[in-house]
C-alpha atoms as a PDB file:
ATOM      1  CA  UNK A   1     -10.647 -58.094-115.825  1.00  0.00           C
ATOM      2  CA  UNK A   2      -8.119 -56.394-118.107  1.00  0.00           C
ATOM      3  CA  UNK A   3      -6.520 -53.000-118.265  1.00  0.00           C
ATOM      4  CA  UNK A   4      -8.795 -50.050-119.040  1.00  0.00           C
ATOM      5  CA  UNK A   5      -8.298 -47.606-121.897  1.00  0.00           C
ATOM      6  CA  UNK A   6      -4.663 -48.585-122.374  1.00  0.00           C
ATOM      7  CA  UNK A   7      -3.797 -47.535-118.815  1.00  0.00           C
ATOM      8  CA  UNK A   8      -2.042 -49.590-116.176  1.00  0.00           C
ATOM      9  CA  UNK A   9      -4.917 -49.117-113.728  1.00  0.00           C
ATOM     10  CA  UNK A  10      -7.289 -52.012-113.173  1.00  0.00           C
ATOM     11  CA  UNK A  11      -9.843 -49.898-111.333  1.00  0.00           C
ATOM     12  CA  UNK A  12     -10.718 -46.208-111.173  1.00  0.00           C
ATOM     13  CA  UNK A  13      -9.321 -45.795-107.664  1.00  0.00           C
ATOM     14  CA  UNK A  14      -5.891 -46.772-109.033  1.00  0.00           C
ATOM     15  CA  UNK A  15      -5.781 -43.830-111.454  1.00  0.00           C
ATOM     16  CA  UNK A  16      -3.368 -41.033-110.619  1.00  0.00           C
ATOM     17  CA  UNK A  17      -4.214 -37.599-111.979  1.00  0.00           C
ATOM     18  CA  UNK A  18      -1.695 -34.764-112.036  1.00  0.00           C
ATOM     19  CA  UNK A  19      -3.811 -31.919-110.673  1.00  0.00           C
ATOM     20  CA  UNK A  20      -0.959 -29.399-110.703  1.00  0.00           C
ATOM     21  CA  UNK A  21      -0.701 -29.547-114.474  1.00  0.00           C
ATOM     22  CA  UNK A  22      -2.149 -27.093-116.990  1.00  0.00           C
ATOM     23  CA  UNK A  23      -4.395 -29.346-119.047  1.00  0.00           C
ATOM     24  CA  UNK A  24      -4.623 -28.533-122.758  1.00  0.00           C
ATOM     25  CA  UNK A  25      -6.592 -29.991-125.648  1.00  0.00           C
ATOM     26  CA  UNK A  26      -5.135 -31.310-128.895  1.00  0.00           C
ATOM     27  CA  UNK A  27      -4.978 -27.744-130.270  1.00  0.00           C
ATOM     28  CA  UNK A  28      -3.041 -26.403-127.284  1.00  0.00           C
ATOM     29  CA  UNK A  29      -6.019 -24.586-125.724  1.00  0.00           C
ATOM     30  CA  UNK A  30      -6.238 -24.591-121.918  1.00  0.00           C
ATOM     31  CA  UNK A  31      -8.989 -26.847-120.597  1.00  0.00           C
ATOM     32  CA  UNK A  32      -9.707 -24.685-117.556  1.00  0.00           C
ATOM     33  CA  UNK A  33      -9.159 -27.204-114.776  1.00  0.00           C
ATOM     34  CA  UNK A  34      -7.671 -24.948-112.134  1.00  0.00           C
ATOM     35  CA  UNK A  35      -9.056 -25.782-108.696  1.00  0.00           C
ATOM     36  CA  UNK A  36      -9.215 -29.590-108.739  1.00  0.00           C
ATOM     37  CA  UNK A  37      -6.445 -30.076-106.177  1.00  0.00           C
ATOM     38  CA  UNK A  38      -8.090 -27.737-103.666  1.00  0.00           C
ATOM     39  CA  UNK A  39     -11.473 -29.388-104.148  1.00  0.00           C
ATOM     40  CA  UNK A  40     -10.101 -32.913-103.793  1.00  0.00           C
ATOM     41  CA  UNK A  41      -8.165 -32.097-100.625  1.00  0.00           C
ATOM     42  CA  UNK A  42     -11.290 -30.593 -99.026  1.00  0.00           C
ATOM     43  CA  UNK A  43     -13.643 -33.476 -99.866  1.00  0.00           C
ATOM     44  CA  UNK A  44     -15.556 -35.302 -97.177  1.00  0.00           C
ATOM     45  CA  UNK A  45     -18.012 -38.183 -97.377  1.00  0.00           C
ATOM     46  CA  UNK A  46     -21.075 -37.296 -99.439  1.00  0.00           C
ATOM     47  CA  UNK A  47     -19.631 -34.243-101.215  1.00  0.00           C
ATOM     48  CA  UNK A  48     -20.512 -33.722-104.880  1.00  0.00           C
ATOM     49  CA  UNK A  49     -19.139 -31.240-107.387  1.00  0.00           C
ATOM     50  CA  UNK A  50     -20.837 -29.226-110.094  1.00  0.00           C
ATOM     51  CA  UNK A  51     -19.743 -26.606-112.582  1.00  0.00           C
ATOM     52  CA  UNK A  52     -20.689 -22.999-111.933  1.00  0.00           C
ATOM     53  CA  UNK A  53     -19.214 -20.008-113.724  1.00  0.00           C
ATOM     54  CA  UNK A  54     -16.433 -22.039-115.317  1.00  0.00           C
ATOM     55  CA  UNK A  55     -15.148 -23.615-112.090  1.00  0.00           C
ATOM     56  CA  UNK A  56     -15.992 -26.704-110.076  1.00  0.00           C
ATOM     57  CA  UNK A  57     -17.901 -26.007-106.870  1.00  0.00           C
ATOM     58  CA  UNK A  58     -18.281 -28.390-103.932  1.00  0.00           C
ATOM     59  CA  UNK A  59     -21.758 -29.078-102.571  1.00  0.00           C
ATOM     60  CA  UNK A  60     -21.789 -30.766 -99.170  1.00  0.00           C
ATOM     61  CA  UNK A  61     -24.615 -33.099 -98.151  1.00  0.00           C
ATOM     62  CA  UNK A  62     -27.899 -31.487 -97.181  1.00  0.00           C
ATOM     63  CA  UNK A  63     -30.034 -32.218 -94.151  1.00  0.00           C
ATOM     64  CA  UNK A  64     -31.845 -35.540 -93.824  1.00  0.00           C
ATOM     65  CA  UNK A  65     -34.820 -35.542 -96.188  1.00  0.00           C
ATOM     66  CA  UNK A  66     -33.636 -32.607 -98.314  1.00  0.00           C
ATOM     67  CA  UNK A  67     -33.838 -32.924-102.103  1.00  0.00           C
ATOM     68  CA  UNK A  68     -31.198 -31.816-104.588  1.00  0.00           C
ATOM     69  CA  UNK A  69     -32.877 -29.156-106.713  1.00  0.00           C
ATOM     70  CA  UNK A  70     -32.038 -26.995-109.697  1.00  0.00           C
ATOM     71  CA  UNK A  71     -33.162 -23.454-110.374  1.00  0.00           C
ATOM     72  CA  UNK A  72     -32.855 -24.163-114.089  1.00  0.00           C
ATOM     73  CA  UNK A  73     -30.067 -23.552-116.601  1.00  0.00           C
ATOM     74  CA  UNK A  74     -27.405 -21.155-115.366  1.00  0.00           C
ATOM     75  CA  UNK A  75     -28.385 -21.525-111.706  1.00  0.00           C
ATOM     76  CA  UNK A  76     -26.584 -23.449-108.999  1.00  0.00           C
ATOM     77  CA  UNK A  77     -27.973 -26.687-107.624  1.00  0.00           C
ATOM     78  CA  UNK A  78     -28.881 -26.715-103.949  1.00  0.00           C
ATOM     79  CA  UNK A  79     -30.414 -28.790-101.197  1.00  0.00           C
ATOM     80  CA  UNK A  80     -33.996 -27.865-100.261  1.00  0.00           C
ATOM     81  CA  UNK A  81     -36.745 -29.313 -98.126  1.00  0.00           C
ATOM     82  CA  UNK A  82     -39.341 -31.083-100.294  1.00  0.00           C
ATOM     83  CA  UNK A  83     -42.454 -29.040-101.136  1.00  0.00           C
ATOM     84  CA  UNK A  84     -45.064 -29.158 -98.410  1.00  0.00           C
ATOM     85  CA  UNK A  85     -42.648 -29.618 -95.526  1.00  0.00           C
END
């Protein structure tokens, strides 16, 4: 297997991301990644992240048997018991 995307990392877990940096696009506009370091340091097994209100939000695992549901566009995802339970 070769290098990926011109980087020196052979696998994704070898990538190092500077989370203290203000990320900007090619036009110099801020990309809005502001809380990545805090999220990453607070991760535990099974956590997932989603975007809500312009920031990343951590969602911890639900109870056994719960389903990941959406209230539709603009609403947060959440764990819920399946219908009928």
